Amino acid sequence: MFLADVKNGSPVVVGVKQSQKAIARDRAVGVLIARDADDHVTGPVRDLCEAKGITVENVDTMLELGKACGIHVGASVAAVLKTR
């Protein structure tokens, strides 16, 4: 769902801090989290998404998520942004 959107060029922010900011500012429509990322890193993002009612989609690996976001390293979290 969101992974396909990211691959098709939807606006996205990558990383825990940037994703948390987007979620807190109500700019995120969905969040992608890599299954192989550490829970202590992704847990606060999951909690924030639950509090804000934002859908979380799991991606198999950090490498897959990073590649989908157009970066050459793995990513633990990415937030798909609302289009204005």
PDB file of N, CA and C in Angstrom:
ATOM      1  N   MET A   1       0.834  -1.180   0.000  1.00  0.00           N
ATOM      2  CA  MET A   1       0.000   0.000   0.000  1.00  0.00           C
ATOM      3  C   MET A   1       0.881   1.247   0.000  1.00  0.00           C
ATOM      4  N   PHE A   2       1.487   1.598   1.135  1.00  0.00           N
ATOM      5  CA  PHE A   2       2.342   2.791   1.194  1.00  0.00           C
ATOM      6  C   PHE A   2       3.674   2.551   0.490  1.00  0.00           C
ATOM      7  N   LEU A   3       4.184   1.326   0.530  1.00  0.00           N
ATOM      8  CA  LEU A   3       5.453   1.031  -0.125  1.00  0.00           C
ATOM      9  C   LEU A   3       5.350   1.291  -1.628  1.00  0.00           C
ATOM     10  N   ALA A   4       4.250   0.894  -2.226  1.00  0.00           N
ATOM     11  CA  ALA A   4       4.035   1.145  -3.653  1.00  0.00           C
ATOM     12  C   ALA A   4       3.963   2.646  -3.925  1.00  0.00           C
ATOM     13  N   ASP A   5       3.335   3.394  -3.027  1.00  0.00           N
ATOM     14  CA  ASP A   5       3.264   4.853  -3.174  1.00  0.00           C
ATOM     15  C   ASP A   5       4.656   5.471  -3.164  1.00  0.00           C
ATOM     16  N   VAL A   6       5.489   5.008  -2.251  1.00  0.00           N
ATOM     17  CA  VAL A   6       6.854   5.535  -2.141  1.00  0.00           C
ATOM     18  C   VAL A   6       7.629   5.220  -3.414  1.00  0.00           C
ATOM     19  N   LYS A   7       7.501   3.999  -3.910  1.00  0.00           N
ATOM     20  CA  LYS A   7       8.198   3.598  -5.132  1.00  0.00           C
ATOM     21  C   LYS A   7       7.717   4.414  -6.332  1.00  0.00           C
ATOM     22  N   ASN A   8       6.488   4.905  -6.273  1.00  0.00           N
ATOM     23  CA  ASN A   8       5.928   5.698  -7.374  1.00  0.00           C
ATOM     24  C   ASN A   8       6.143   7.190  -7.195  1.00  0.00           C
ATOM     25  N   GLY A   9       6.947   7.574  -6.212  1.00  0.00           N
ATOM     26  CA  GLY A   9       7.331   8.970  -6.079  1.00  0.00           C
ATOM     27  C   GLY A   9       6.538   9.820  -5.108  1.00  0.00           C
ATOM     28  N   SER A  10       5.753   9.217  -4.239  1.00  0.00           N
ATOM     29  CA  SER A  10       5.049  10.008  -3.219  1.00  0.00           C
ATOM     30  C   SER A  10       6.070  10.692  -2.313  1.00  0.00           C
ATOM     31  N   PRO A  11       5.729  11.877  -1.802  1.00  0.00           N
ATOM     32  CA  PRO A  11       6.665  12.556  -0.908  1.00  0.00           C
ATOM     33  C   PRO A  11       6.863  11.749   0.375  1.00  0.00           C
ATOM     34  N   VAL A  12       8.104  11.699   0.822  1.00  0.00           N
ATOM     35  CA  VAL A  12       8.444  10.868   1.964  1.00  0.00           C
ATOM     36  C   VAL A  12       9.587  11.509   2.737  1.00  0.00           C
ATOM     37  N   VAL A  13       9.598  11.276   4.052  1.00  0.00           N
ATOM     38  CA  VAL A  13      10.762  11.617   4.864  1.00  0.00           C
ATOM     39  C   VAL A  13      11.315  10.307   5.409  1.00  0.00           C
ATOM     40  N   VAL A  14      12.635  10.245   5.529  1.00  0.00           N
ATOM     41  CA  VAL A  14      13.294   9.013   5.928  1.00  0.00           C
ATOM     42  C   VAL A  14      14.006   9.223   7.258  1.00  0.00           C
ATOM     43  N   GLY A  15      13.867   8.238   8.129  1.00  0.00           N
ATOM     44  CA  GLY A  15      14.545   8.284   9.418  1.00  0.00           C
ATOM     45  C   GLY A  15      13.574   8.490  10.562  1.00  0.00           C
ATOM     46  N   VAL A  16      14.020   8.090  11.729  1.00  0.00           N
ATOM     47  CA  VAL A  16      13.175   8.142  12.915  1.00  0.00           C
ATOM     48  C   VAL A  16      12.813   9.574  13.288  1.00  0.00           C
ATOM     49  N   LYS A  17      13.803  10.443  13.399  1.00  0.00           N
ATOM     50  CA  LYS A  17      13.541  11.812  13.854  1.00  0.00           C
ATOM     51  C   LYS A  17      12.650  12.574  12.886  1.00  0.00           C
ATOM     52  N   GLN A  18      12.950  12.490  11.591  1.00  0.00           N
ATOM     53  CA  GLN A  18      12.147  13.206  10.604  1.00  0.00           C
ATOM     54  C   GLN A  18      10.728  12.644  10.543  1.00  0.00           C
ATOM     55  N   SER A  19      10.601  11.340  10.673  1.00  0.00           N
ATOM     56  CA  SER A  19       9.273  10.716  10.658  1.00  0.00           C
ATOM     57  C   SER A  19       8.466  11.134  11.883  1.00  0.00           C
ATOM     58  N   GLN A  20       9.111  11.160  13.057  1.00  0.00           N
ATOM     59  CA  GLN A  20       8.417  11.581  14.274  1.00  0.00           C
ATOM     60  C   GLN A  20       7.924  13.018  14.146  1.00  0.00           C
ATOM     61  N   LYS A  21       8.740  13.884  13.558  1.00  0.00           N
ATOM     62  CA  LYS A  21       8.328  15.278  13.359  1.00  0.00           C
ATOM     63  C   LYS A  21       7.115  15.358  12.436  1.00  0.00           C
ATOM     64  N   ALA A  22       7.153  14.607  11.340  1.00  0.00           N
ATOM     65  CA  ALA A  22       6.041  14.622  10.386  1.00  0.00           C
ATOM     66  C   ALA A  22       4.760  14.095  11.027  1.00  0.00           C
ATOM     67  N   ILE A  23       4.878  13.051  11.833  1.00  0.00           N
ATOM     68  CA  ILE A  23       3.709  12.481  12.515  1.00  0.00           C
ATOM     69  C   ILE A  23       3.151  13.484  13.515  1.00  0.00           C
ATOM     70  N   ALA A  24       4.017  14.068  14.325  1.00  0.00           N
ATOM     71  CA  ALA A  24       3.585  15.022  15.345  1.00  0.00           C
ATOM     72  C   ALA A  24       2.924  16.255  14.740  1.00  0.00           C
ATOM     73  N   ARG A  25       3.368  16.643  13.551  1.00  0.00           N
ATOM     74  CA  ARG A  25       2.818  17.834  12.881  1.00  0.00           C
ATOM     75  C   ARG A  25       1.637  17.497  11.973  1.00  0.00           C
ATOM     76  N   ASP A  26       1.142  16.263  12.065  1.00  0.00           N
ATOM     77  CA  ASP A  26       0.003  15.791  11.257  1.00  0.00           C
ATOM     78  C   ASP A  26       0.254  15.920   9.764  1.00  0.00           C
ATOM     79  N   ARG A  27       1.479  15.672   9.338  1.00  0.00           N
ATOM     80  CA  ARG A  27       1.836  15.726   7.923  1.00  0.00           C
ATOM     81  C   ARG A  27       1.944  14.336   7.304  1.00  0.00           C
ATOM     82  N   ALA A  28       1.904  13.280   8.119  1.00  0.00           N
ATOM     83  CA  ALA A  28       2.078  11.910   7.617  1.00  0.00           C
ATOM     84  C   ALA A  28       0.730  11.233   7.412  1.00  0.00           C
ATOM     85  N   VAL A  29       0.614  10.518   6.290  1.00  0.00           N
ATOM     86  CA  VAL A  29      -0.593   9.725   6.045  1.00  0.00           C
ATOM     87  C   VAL A  29      -0.357   8.265   6.390  1.00  0.00           C
ATOM     88  N   GLY A  30       0.886   7.857   6.418  1.00  0.00           N
ATOM     89  CA  GLY A  30       1.235   6.487   6.750  1.00  0.00           C
ATOM     90  C   GLY A  30       2.713   6.378   7.051  1.00  0.00           C
ATOM     91  N   VAL A  31       3.073   5.298   7.729  1.00  0.00           N
ATOM     92  CA  VAL A  31       4.463   5.098   8.124  1.00  0.00           C
ATOM     93  C   VAL A  31       4.891   3.682   7.742  1.00  0.00           C
ATOM     94  N   LEU A  32       6.096   3.587   7.227  1.00  0.00           N
ATOM     95  CA  LEU A  32       6.707   2.309   6.880  1.00  0.00           C
ATOM     96  C   LEU A  32       7.797   2.004   7.900  1.00  0.00           C
ATOM     97  N   ILE A  33       7.786   0.786   8.440  1.00  0.00           N
ATOM     98  CA  ILE A  33       8.790   0.381   9.423  1.00  0.00           C
ATOM     99  C   ILE A  33       9.383  -0.951   8.988  1.00  0.00           C
ATOM    100  N   ALA A  34      10.711  -1.030   8.988  1.00  0.00           N
ATOM    101  CA  ALA A  34      11.412  -2.253   8.615  1.00  0.00           C
ATOM    102  C   ALA A  34      11.327  -3.273   9.748  1.00  0.00           C
ATOM    103  N   ARG A  35      10.994  -4.493   9.396  1.00  0.00           N
ATOM    104  CA  ARG A  35      10.867  -5.557  10.397  1.00  0.00           C
ATOM    105  C   ARG A  35      12.193  -5.884  11.074  1.00  0.00           C
ATOM    106  N   ASP A  36      13.300  -5.699  10.357  1.00  0.00           N
ATOM    107  CA  ASP A  36      14.591  -6.066  10.939  1.00  0.00           C
ATOM    108  C   ASP A  36      15.247  -4.917  11.714  1.00  0.00           C
ATOM    109  N   ALA A  37      14.550  -3.820  11.868  1.00  0.00           N
ATOM    110  CA  ALA A  37      15.058  -2.704  12.676  1.00  0.00           C
ATOM    111  C   ALA A  37      14.849  -3.014  14.156  1.00  0.00           C
ATOM    112  N   ASP A  38      15.703  -2.467  14.999  1.00  0.00           N
ATOM    113  CA  ASP A  38      15.598  -2.694  16.443  1.00  0.00           C
ATOM    114  C   ASP A  38      14.318  -2.094  17.003  1.00  0.00           C
ATOM    115  N   ASP A  39      13.662  -2.851  17.870  1.00  0.00           N
ATOM    116  CA  ASP A  39      12.412  -2.396  18.481  1.00  0.00           C
ATOM    117  C   ASP A  39      12.599  -1.136  19.325  1.00  0.00           C
ATOM    118  N   HIS A  40      13.767  -0.987  19.957  1.00  0.00           N
ATOM    119  CA  HIS A  40      13.975   0.209  20.773  1.00  0.00           C
ATOM    120  C   HIS A  40      14.067   1.462  19.902  1.00  0.00           C
ATOM    121  N   VAL A  41      14.356   1.291  18.613  1.00  0.00           N
ATOM    122  CA  VAL A  41      14.403   2.415  17.676  1.00  0.00           C
ATOM    123  C   VAL A  41      13.001   2.692  17.121  1.00  0.00           C
ATOM    124  N   THR A  42      12.302   1.642  16.732  1.00  0.00           N
ATOM    125  CA  THR A  42      11.006   1.809  16.064  1.00  0.00           C
ATOM    126  C   THR A  42       9.819   1.892  17.032  1.00  0.00           C
ATOM    127  N   GLY A  43       9.998   1.413  18.250  1.00  0.00           N
ATOM    128  CA  GLY A  43       8.901   1.402  19.223  1.00  0.00           C
ATOM    129  C   GLY A  43       8.272   2.764  19.460  1.00  0.00           C
ATOM    130  N   PRO A  44       9.056   3.812  19.703  1.00  0.00           N
ATOM    131  CA  PRO A  44       8.463   5.128  19.919  1.00  0.00           C
ATOM    132  C   PRO A  44       7.677   5.636  18.698  1.00  0.00           C
ATOM    133  N   VAL A  45       8.127   5.271  17.497  1.00  0.00           N
ATOM    134  CA  VAL A  45       7.406   5.675  16.286  1.00  0.00           C
ATOM    135  C   VAL A  45       6.066   4.940  16.217  1.00  0.00           C
ATOM    136  N   ARG A  46       6.091   3.643  16.504  1.00  0.00           N
ATOM    137  CA  ARG A  46       4.837   2.866  16.525  1.00  0.00           C
ATOM    138  C   ARG A  46       3.851   3.452  17.547  1.00  0.00           C
ATOM    139  N   ASP A  47       4.362   3.792  18.730  1.00  0.00           N
ATOM    140  CA  ASP A  47       3.501   4.350  19.769  1.00  0.00           C
ATOM    141  C   ASP A  47       2.883   5.677  19.331  1.00  0.00           C
ATOM    142  N   LEU A  48       3.673   6.518  18.705  1.00  0.00           N
ATOM    143  CA  LEU A  48       3.187   7.809  18.226  1.00  0.00           C
ATOM    144  C   LEU A  48       2.137   7.619  17.134  1.00  0.00           C
ATOM    145  N   CYS A  49       2.371   6.663  16.246  1.00  0.00           N
ATOM    146  CA  CYS A  49       1.392   6.372  15.189  1.00  0.00           C
ATOM    147  C   CYS A  49       0.073   5.894  15.787  1.00  0.00           C
ATOM    148  N   GLU A  50       0.166   5.055  16.791  1.00  0.00           N
ATOM    149  CA  GLU A  50      -1.048   4.550  17.444  1.00  0.00           C
ATOM    150  C   GLU A  50      -1.814   5.698  18.099  1.00  0.00           C
ATOM    151  N   ALA A  51      -1.102   6.589  18.751  1.00  0.00           N
ATOM    152  CA  ALA A  51      -1.738   7.728  19.419  1.00  0.00           C
ATOM    153  C   ALA A  51      -2.389   8.674  18.417  1.00  0.00           C
ATOM    154  N   LYS A  52      -1.785   8.812  17.232  1.00  0.00           N
ATOM    155  CA  LYS A  52      -2.290   9.737  16.214  1.00  0.00           C
ATOM    156  C   LYS A  52      -3.230   9.060  15.219  1.00  0.00           C
ATOM    157  N   GLY A  53      -3.397   7.745  15.321  1.00  0.00           N
ATOM    158  CA  GLY A  53      -4.279   7.027  14.406  1.00  0.00           C
ATOM    159  C   GLY A  53      -3.720   6.888  12.998  1.00  0.00           C
ATOM    160  N   ILE A  54      -2.398   6.780  12.887  1.00  0.00           N
ATOM    161  CA  ILE A  54      -1.741   6.668  11.589  1.00  0.00           C
ATOM    162  C   ILE A  54      -1.412   5.200  11.316  1.00  0.00           C
ATOM    163  N   THR A  55      -1.711   4.770  10.101  1.00  0.00           N
ATOM    164  CA  THR A  55      -1.476   3.388   9.695  1.00  0.00           C
ATOM    165  C   THR A  55       0.015   3.103   9.561  1.00  0.00           C
ATOM    166  N   VAL A  56       0.426   1.948  10.100  1.00  0.00           N
ATOM    167  CA  VAL A  56       1.816   1.500  10.001  1.00  0.00           C
ATOM    168  C   VAL A  56       1.849   0.290   9.077  1.00  0.00           C
ATOM    169  N   GLU A  57       2.756   0.335   8.111  1.00  0.00           N
ATOM    170  CA  GLU A  57       2.968  -0.798   7.205  1.00  0.00           C
ATOM    171  C   GLU A  57       4.369  -1.327   7.441  1.00  0.00           C
ATOM    172  N   ASN A  58       4.498  -2.641   7.563  1.00  0.00           N
ATOM    173  CA  ASN A  58       5.804  -3.262   7.779  1.00  0.00           C
ATOM    174  C   ASN A  58       6.454  -3.618   6.447  1.00  0.00           C
ATOM    175  N   VAL A  59       7.756  -3.411   6.377  1.00  0.00           N
ATOM    176  CA  VAL A  59       8.574  -3.767   5.216  1.00  0.00           C
ATOM    177  C   VAL A  59       9.572  -4.799   5.709  1.00  0.00           C
ATOM    178  N   ASP A  60       9.882  -5.788   4.873  1.00  0.00           N
ATOM    179  CA  ASP A  60      10.732  -6.893   5.320  1.00  0.00           C
ATOM    180  C   ASP A  60      12.090  -6.465   5.850  1.00  0.00           C
ATOM    181  N   THR A  61      12.809  -5.621   5.105  1.00  0.00           N
ATOM    182  CA  THR A  61      14.167  -5.278   5.526  1.00  0.00           C
ATOM    183  C   THR A  61      14.423  -3.776   5.437  1.00  0.00           C
ATOM    184  N   MET A  62      15.409  -3.346   6.192  1.00  0.00           N
ATOM    185  CA  MET A  62      15.830  -1.946   6.152  1.00  0.00           C
ATOM    186  C   MET A  62      16.392  -1.607   4.764  1.00  0.00           C
ATOM    187  N   LEU A  63      17.092  -2.544   4.171  1.00  0.00           N
ATOM    188  CA  LEU A  63      17.662  -2.314   2.845  1.00  0.00           C
ATOM    189  C   LEU A  63      16.564  -2.092   1.807  1.00  0.00           C
ATOM    190  N   GLU A  64      15.517  -2.899   1.870  1.00  0.00           N
ATOM    191  CA  GLU A  64      14.383  -2.746   0.950  1.00  0.00           C
ATOM    192  C   GLU A  64      13.712  -1.389   1.123  1.00  0.00           C
ATOM    193  N   LEU A  65      13.536  -0.966   2.358  1.00  0.00           N
ATOM    194  CA  LEU A  65      12.906   0.325   2.625  1.00  0.00           C
ATOM    195  C   LEU A  65      13.788   1.471   2.138  1.00  0.00           C
ATOM    196  N   GLY A  66      15.078   1.384   2.412  1.00  0.00           N
ATOM    197  CA  GLY A  66      15.994   2.422   1.942  1.00  0.00           C
ATOM    198  C   GLY A  66      15.995   2.534   0.430  1.00  0.00           C
ATOM    199  N   LYS A  67      16.025   1.401  -0.243  1.00  0.00           N
ATOM    200  CA  LYS A  67      16.016   1.392  -1.710  1.00  0.00           C
ATOM    201  C   LYS A  67      14.727   2.009  -2.245  1.00  0.00           C
ATOM    202  N   ALA A  68      13.593   1.680  -1.644  1.00  0.00           N
ATOM    203  CA  ALA A  68      12.316   2.233  -2.081  1.00  0.00           C
ATOM    204  C   ALA A  68      12.278   3.748  -1.907  1.00  0.00           C
ATOM    205  N   CYS A  69      12.980   4.242  -0.883  1.00  0.00           N
ATOM    206  CA  CYS A  69      13.019   5.680  -0.609  1.00  0.00           C
ATOM    207  C   CYS A  69      14.074   6.405  -1.434  1.00  0.00           C
ATOM    208  N   GLY A  70      14.837   5.656  -2.214  1.00  0.00           N
ATOM    209  CA  GLY A  70      15.831   6.269  -3.085  1.00  0.00           C
ATOM    210  C   GLY A  70      17.149   6.588  -2.422  1.00  0.00           C
ATOM    211  N   ILE A  71      17.455   5.886  -1.317  1.00  0.00           N
ATOM    212  CA  ILE A  71      18.756   6.087  -0.680  1.00  0.00           C
ATOM    213  C   ILE A  71      19.559   4.797  -0.789  1.00  0.00           C
ATOM    214  N   HIS A  72      20.861   4.897  -0.639  1.00  0.00           N
ATOM    215  CA  HIS A  72      21.741   3.752  -0.852  1.00  0.00           C
ATOM    216  C   HIS A  72      22.113   3.024   0.428  1.00  0.00           C
ATOM    217  N   VAL A  73      21.420   3.323   1.497  1.00  0.00           N
ATOM    218  CA  VAL A  73      21.625   2.631   2.775  1.00  0.00           C
ATOM    219  C   VAL A  73      20.266   2.197   3.305  1.00  0.00           C
ATOM    220  N   GLY A  74      20.280   1.374   4.318  1.00  0.00           N
ATOM    221  CA  GLY A  74      19.030   0.917   4.902  1.00  0.00           C
ATOM    222  C   GLY A  74      18.341   2.027   5.685  1.00  0.00           C
ATOM    223  N   ALA A  75      17.026   1.890   5.807  1.00  0.00           N
ATOM    224  CA  ALA A  75      16.230   2.837   6.591  1.00  0.00           C
ATOM    225  C   ALA A  75      15.315   2.043   7.513  1.00  0.00           C
ATOM    226  N   SER A  76      15.245   2.445   8.763  1.00  0.00           N
ATOM    227  CA  SER A  76      14.384   1.747   9.706  1.00  0.00           C
ATOM    228  C   SER A  76      12.950   2.249   9.635  1.00  0.00           C
ATOM    229  N   VAL A  77      12.789   3.555   9.355  1.00  0.00           N
ATOM    230  CA  VAL A  77      11.465   4.174   9.345  1.00  0.00           C
ATOM    231  C   VAL A  77      11.392   5.196   8.223  1.00  0.00           C
ATOM    232  N   ALA A  78      10.214   5.285   7.607  1.00  0.00           N
ATOM    233  CA  ALA A  78       9.934   6.337   6.641  1.00  0.00           C
ATOM    234  C   ALA A  78       8.459   6.719   6.778  1.00  0.00           C
ATOM    235  N   ALA A  79       8.171   7.996   6.608  1.00  0.00           N
ATOM    236  CA  ALA A  79       6.802   8.471   6.690  1.00  0.00           C
ATOM    237  C   ALA A  79       6.381   9.024   5.325  1.00  0.00           C
ATOM    238  N   VAL A  80       5.225   8.557   4.857  1.00  0.00           N
ATOM    239  CA  VAL A  80       4.663   9.063   3.614  1.00  0.00           C
ATOM    240  C   VAL A  80       3.880  10.327   3.961  1.00  0.00           C
ATOM    241  N   LEU A  81       4.175  11.403   3.255  1.00  0.00           N
ATOM    242  CA  LEU A  81       3.594  12.700   3.578  1.00  0.00           C
ATOM    243  C   LEU A  81       2.317  12.982   2.797  1.00  0.00           C
ATOM    244  N   LYS A  82       1.469  13.806   3.383  1.00  0.00           N
ATOM    245  CA  LYS A  82       0.264  14.259   2.709  1.00  0.00           C
ATOM    246  C   LYS A  82       0.659  15.138   1.532  1.00  0.00           C
ATOM    247  N   THR A  83      -0.086  15.048   0.458  1.00  0.00           N
ATOM    248  CA  THR A  83       0.125  15.958  -0.652  1.00  0.00           C
ATOM    249  C   THR A  83      -0.821  17.126  -0.464  1.00  0.00           C
ATOM    250  N   ARG A  84      -0.332  18.303  -0.752  1.00  0.00           N
ATOM    251  CA  ARG A  84      -1.142  19.487  -0.464  1.00  0.00           C
ATOM    252  C   ARG A  84      -2.019  19.860  -1.572  1.00  0.00           C
TER     253      ARG A  84
END
